[in-house]
Protein backbone atom coordinates (compact mmCIF):
# COMPACT_ATOMS: atom_id res chain seq x y z
CA MET A 1 113.59 97.55 115.08
CA THR A 2 110.83 95.52 113.44
CA LYS A 3 110.40 96.41 109.79
CA PRO A 4 106.99 97.71 108.65
CA TRP A 5 106.18 94.64 106.54
CA LEU A 6 106.87 92.28 109.44
CA LYS A 7 104.69 94.36 111.77
CA GLU A 8 101.84 93.73 109.34
CA TRP A 9 102.44 89.99 109.29
CA ASN A 10 102.63 89.80 113.07
CA LYS A 11 99.05 91.06 113.32
CA PHE A 12 97.62 87.81 111.92
CA THR A 13 96.11 85.49 114.50
CA PRO A 14 97.47 81.90 114.61
CA GLN A 15 94.11 80.68 113.36
CA ALA A 16 94.22 83.04 110.38
CA ILE A 17 97.71 81.79 109.49
CA GLU A 18 96.52 78.19 109.60
CA GLU A 19 93.63 79.12 107.30
CA ILE A 20 96.04 80.81 104.89
CA LYS A 21 98.20 77.70 104.86
CA SER A 22 95.23 75.37 104.34
CA HIS A 23 94.02 77.37 101.34
CA ASN A 24 97.43 77.24 99.72
CA ASP A 25 97.84 73.53 100.45
CA ASP A 26 95.38 73.15 97.56
CA THR A 27 97.83 74.87 95.21
CA HIS A 28 97.94 71.71 93.09
CA LEU A 29 94.36 72.47 92.03
CA GLU A 30 95.88 75.37 90.07
CA LYS A 31 93.20 77.84 91.12
CA GLU A 32 93.90 81.27 92.57
CA TRP A 33 92.20 82.04 95.86
CA MET A 34 91.46 85.34 97.53
CA SER A 35 90.20 86.51 100.92
CA TYR A 36 89.60 89.84 102.58
CA VAL A 37 91.75 90.71 105.59
CA TYR A 38 89.84 92.18 108.53
CA GLU A 39 91.21 93.97 111.59
CA LYS A 40 89.56 93.45 114.95
CA ASN A 41 91.08 94.60 118.25
CA GLY A 42 94.44 95.11 116.54
CA ARG A 43 94.61 91.59 115.06
CA TYR A 44 94.09 90.34 111.52
CA TYR A 45 91.49 87.74 110.56
CA ILE A 46 90.62 86.47 107.09
CA GLY A 47 87.24 85.95 105.52
CA GLU A 48 86.05 83.05 103.40
CA ALA A 49 88.27 82.11 100.46
CA SER A 50 86.95 82.61 96.94
CA LEU A 51 88.41 80.46 94.16
CA GLY A 52 89.28 81.70 90.69
CA GLN A 53 91.13 80.37 87.69
CA GLU A 54 94.78 79.51 87.15
CA SER A 55 95.91 83.11 86.66
CA ALA A 56 92.92 85.27 87.54
CA ILE A 57 90.21 85.78 90.10
CA SER A 58 87.31 88.18 90.42
CA VAL A 59 84.74 88.69 93.16
CA ILE A 60 81.72 90.86 93.85
CA PRO A 61 82.80 92.82 96.96
CA ALA A 62 79.32 93.38 98.38
CA GLU A 63 78.37 89.71 98.11
CA LYS A 64 81.69 88.55 99.51
CA GLY A 65 81.36 90.95 102.45
CA VAL A 66 77.88 89.65 103.26
CA LYS A 67 79.18 86.07 103.22
CA ASP A 68 82.10 86.92 105.53
CA TYR A 69 79.74 88.55 108.02
CA ALA A 70 77.29 85.64 107.91
CA SER A 71 79.96 82.95 108.29
CA LYS A 72 82.51 84.65 110.54
CA GLY A 73 80.89 87.76 111.97
CA LEU A 74 83.44 89.99 110.23
CA LYS A 75 81.98 93.40 109.50
CA PRO A 76 82.53 95.49 106.35
CA ALA A 77 83.85 98.34 108.52
CA GLN A 78 86.61 96.02 109.77
CA ARG A 79 87.85 95.15 106.29
CA LYS A 80 91.42 96.34 105.65
CA TRP A 81 93.29 94.53 102.89
CA THR A 82 93.28 91.51 100.57
CA ILE A 83 95.31 88.32 100.51
CA HIS A 84 95.46 85.95 97.56
CA GLY A 85 97.32 82.85 96.49
CA HIS A 86 99.17 82.08 93.27
CA PRO A 87 98.99 78.32 92.66
CA LEU A 88 101.07 76.04 90.51
CA LYS A 89 100.75 76.64 86.78
CA ASP A 90 101.04 73.69 84.41
CA GLY A 91 102.12 71.74 87.48
CA LYS A 92 105.18 73.97 87.88
CA ILE A 93 106.47 76.74 90.12
CA TYR A 94 107.29 79.95 88.22
CA ASN A 95 109.51 82.52 89.92
CA GLY A 96 107.56 85.41 88.44
CA ARG A 97 104.39 84.18 90.14
CA GLN A 98 106.11 84.47 93.53
CA TYR A 99 105.88 88.24 93.17
CA PHE A 100 102.91 90.55 92.74
CA SER A 101 101.97 91.04 89.10
CA SER A 102 101.24 94.37 87.44
CA VAL A 103 97.54 93.49 87.73
CA ASP A 104 97.97 93.17 91.49
CA LEU A 105 99.84 96.47 91.75
CA ILE A 106 98.70 99.06 89.25
CA ASP A 107 95.40 100.17 90.81
CA GLU A 108 96.87 100.28 94.31
CA PHE A 109 99.93 102.20 93.12
CA LEU A 110 97.75 104.81 91.43
CA GLU A 111 95.38 105.09 94.40
CA VAL A 112 98.15 105.72 96.93
CA ARG A 113 100.15 107.94 94.57
CA ASP A 114 97.14 110.20 93.97
CA SER A 115 95.53 109.87 97.40
CA SER A 116 95.93 113.55 98.19
CA LYS A 117 93.96 114.42 95.06
CA ASN A 118 91.37 111.67 94.68
CA GLY A 119 90.55 110.99 98.32
CA GLY A 120 91.69 107.37 98.00
CA ARG A 121 93.51 105.31 100.59
CA LYS A 122 96.81 106.84 101.65
CA ARG A 123 98.24 103.42 102.55
CA ILE A 124 97.64 99.92 101.18
CA VAL A 125 99.08 96.57 102.26
CA GLN A 126 98.87 93.40 100.17
CA PHE A 127 99.69 89.75 100.82
CA ILE A 128 100.40 87.00 98.30
CA VAL A 129 100.82 83.30 99.15
CA TYR A 130 102.80 81.02 96.87
CA PRO A 131 104.53 77.61 96.75
CA HIS A 132 108.32 77.63 96.98
CA GLU A 133 110.64 74.69 96.36
CA GLN A 134 113.56 74.44 98.74
CA LYS A 135 115.87 71.88 100.32
CA GLU A 136 115.30 70.50 103.79
CA ASN A 137 117.65 67.86 105.21
CA GLY A 138 119.02 67.35 101.72
CA GLU A 139 115.63 66.71 100.12
CA LYS A 140 113.47 68.94 97.94
CA VAL A 141 110.29 70.10 99.63
CA ILE A 142 107.59 72.66 98.83
CA HIS A 143 106.78 75.26 101.46
CA ASN A 144 104.07 77.88 101.46
CA ARG A 145 105.46 81.41 101.68
CA VAL A 146 103.79 84.78 102.04
CA ARG A 147 105.10 87.96 100.46
CA ILE A 148 103.99 91.12 102.26
CA LEU A 149 104.03 94.42 100.37
CA ASP A 150 103.34 97.75 102.05
CA PHE A 151 102.56 100.95 100.12
CA PRO A 152 103.04 103.28 103.12
CA ASN A 153 102.40 106.61 101.42
CA SER A 154 102.66 108.42 98.11
CA LYS A 155 106.14 109.82 98.71
CA THR A 156 107.66 106.42 99.47
CA ILE A 157 106.25 104.54 96.48
CA VAL A 158 107.20 107.37 94.12
CA SER A 159 110.74 107.24 95.52
CA ALA A 160 110.84 103.44 95.11
CA MET A 161 109.71 103.76 91.50
CA LYS A 162 112.38 106.37 90.74
CA THR A 163 115.08 104.24 92.37
CA SER A 164 114.09 100.99 90.66
CA ASN A 165 113.12 102.43 87.29
CA PRO A 166 115.16 105.64 86.90
CA LYS A 167 113.97 106.29 83.34
CA ILE A 168 110.30 106.24 84.38
CA ASP A 169 108.35 109.31 85.51
CA PRO A 170 106.13 107.90 88.29
CA TYR A 171 103.52 110.60 87.71
CA GLN A 172 103.06 109.60 84.06
CA ILE A 173 102.02 106.04 84.91
CA THR A 174 98.40 105.16 84.13
CA ARG A 175 96.43 101.94 84.24
CA GLU A 176 96.66 101.68 80.47
CA ASN A 177 100.40 102.18 80.07
CA GLY A 178 101.52 100.55 83.32
CA MET A 179 99.79 97.18 83.12
CA ASN A 180 101.68 94.35 81.50
CA LYS A 181 100.48 92.87 78.23
CA ALA A 182 101.42 89.45 76.92
CA THR A 183 103.79 89.44 73.95
CA GLN A 184 104.21 86.87 71.18
CA ASN A 185 107.25 85.26 72.82
CA GLY A 186 105.39 84.68 76.09
CA THR A 187 106.88 87.51 78.12
CA ALA A 188 104.82 90.36 79.55
CA LEU A 189 105.73 94.01 79.09
CA ASN A 190 104.03 97.35 79.57
CA ASP A 191 104.11 100.48 77.44
CA MET A 192 106.03 102.49 80.05
CA GLY A 193 108.76 99.88 80.36
CA ILE A 194 108.24 99.52 84.12
CA ASP A 195 109.97 96.60 85.82
CA TRP A 196 107.46 95.86 88.57
CA PHE A 197 109.73 93.23 90.11
CA LYS A 198 112.51 95.75 90.68
CA PHE A 199 109.94 98.16 92.12
CA GLN A 200 108.92 95.59 94.72
CA GLU A 201 112.54 94.89 95.59
CA ALA A 202 113.18 98.61 96.02
CA LEU A 203 110.36 98.72 98.57
CA GLY A 204 111.95 95.70 100.23
CA ASN A 205 115.24 97.56 100.58
CA MET A 206 113.28 100.31 102.33
CA GLY A 207 111.66 97.85 104.76
CA TYR A 208 108.28 97.68 103.06
CA MET A 209 108.42 94.23 101.46
CA GLY A 210 109.42 90.87 102.87
CA ILE A 211 108.67 87.16 103.01
CA VAL A 212 107.56 84.67 105.65
CA ASP A 213 107.87 80.90 105.43
CA ILE A 214 104.65 79.62 107.01
CA GLU A 215 105.63 75.95 107.09
CA GLY A 216 108.62 75.79 109.39
CA ARG A 217 108.24 77.08 112.94
CA ASP A 218 110.65 77.35 115.88
CA ASN A 219 108.97 77.61 119.27
CA GLY A 220 105.74 78.60 117.57
CA HIS A 221 107.27 81.42 115.53
CA TYR A 222 107.23 81.53 111.74
CA HIS A 223 110.41 82.29 109.86
CA PRO A 224 110.64 85.84 108.50
CA LEU A 225 112.95 86.05 105.49
CA ALA A 226 114.77 88.97 103.92
CA ALA A 227 113.35 90.77 100.89
CA GLU A 228 115.10 88.52 98.40
CA SER A 229 116.09 89.56 94.91
CA TYR A 230 115.98 87.50 91.73
CA MET A 231 119.70 86.81 91.90
CA ASP A 232 119.35 85.33 95.40
CA ARG A 233 117.63 82.35 93.79
CA PHE A 234 120.68 81.15 91.83
CA THR A 235 124.07 79.59 92.54
CA PRO A 236 127.19 81.69 91.86
CA MET A 237 127.79 79.86 88.55
CA GLN A 238 124.20 80.41 87.48
CA ARG A 239 124.45 84.11 88.35
CA PHE A 240 127.57 84.46 86.21
CA ALA A 241 125.87 82.77 83.27
CA LEU A 242 122.80 84.96 83.62
CA LEU A 243 124.87 88.11 83.75
CA LEU A 244 126.32 87.25 80.36
CA PHE A 245 122.89 87.79 78.94
CA GLY A 246 122.22 91.02 80.78
CA VAL A 247 119.56 91.95 83.27
CA GLY A 248 116.19 93.59 83.16
CA ALA A 249 113.65 92.86 80.45
CA SER A 250 116.14 91.01 78.25
CA PHE A 251 116.95 88.66 81.14
CA TYR A 252 113.31 87.96 81.82
CA ALA A 253 112.64 87.21 78.18
CA TYR A 254 115.60 84.83 77.96
CA ALA A 255 114.72 83.00 81.16
CA GLU A 256 111.13 82.66 79.91
CA TRP A 257 109.75 83.34 83.33
CA ASP A 258 106.01 83.52 83.51
CA LYS A 259 104.57 86.98 83.95
CA ARG A 260 100.87 87.64 84.08
CA ALA A 261 99.33 90.43 82.07
């Protein structure tokens, strides 16, 4: 059975996928990009890409919607989700930037969690595009990948939060205490102590997060990948060394992985 996250990816038209790839081919410019995702006749299309800074982007929704309609005929009523790209930073690939940051997640988490009370969206899907270094025929290459994250309903995301962060009360999370803040040693933490990476992986274990490699194709089909964990990125010897230093926040601080506030 096709997992929910992959069903979302499969809605993109081939043209939209090529546009996504072309935007992220400019990752060396070190500018984030963002587009709206529109649904028309059951398929996903993307609007014009807006460029931001290295680690941030902001748009005026009304103006962006007008531009998408003028340039592509995509109507505001057809707008569904957002897709954005994390570029290189300081010319490097940071593992933390291959996941959604707390900034990407907090508002959506709160909206879906409280949807029965505030009248917000009951389901939200997000897409992030990022460069990933891997080996191909023995040589290092950089591929564009897309991480798909599905917040299917309040019950599921609350369950994922409890599973991934058992000491956290999901209903006590607010924008102020759940968003990461940069610390003096370069790591990013939040007042609640939420590990947003583990939260995403918990959703992946439930079928609501996964990854697609949009470079390599077999018979016209892109490669869906499993919802990888941090430890999947290391060799057995590296994993053993990392475990000596513990996991969680202490591991992130030691590894000095980049995390955005």
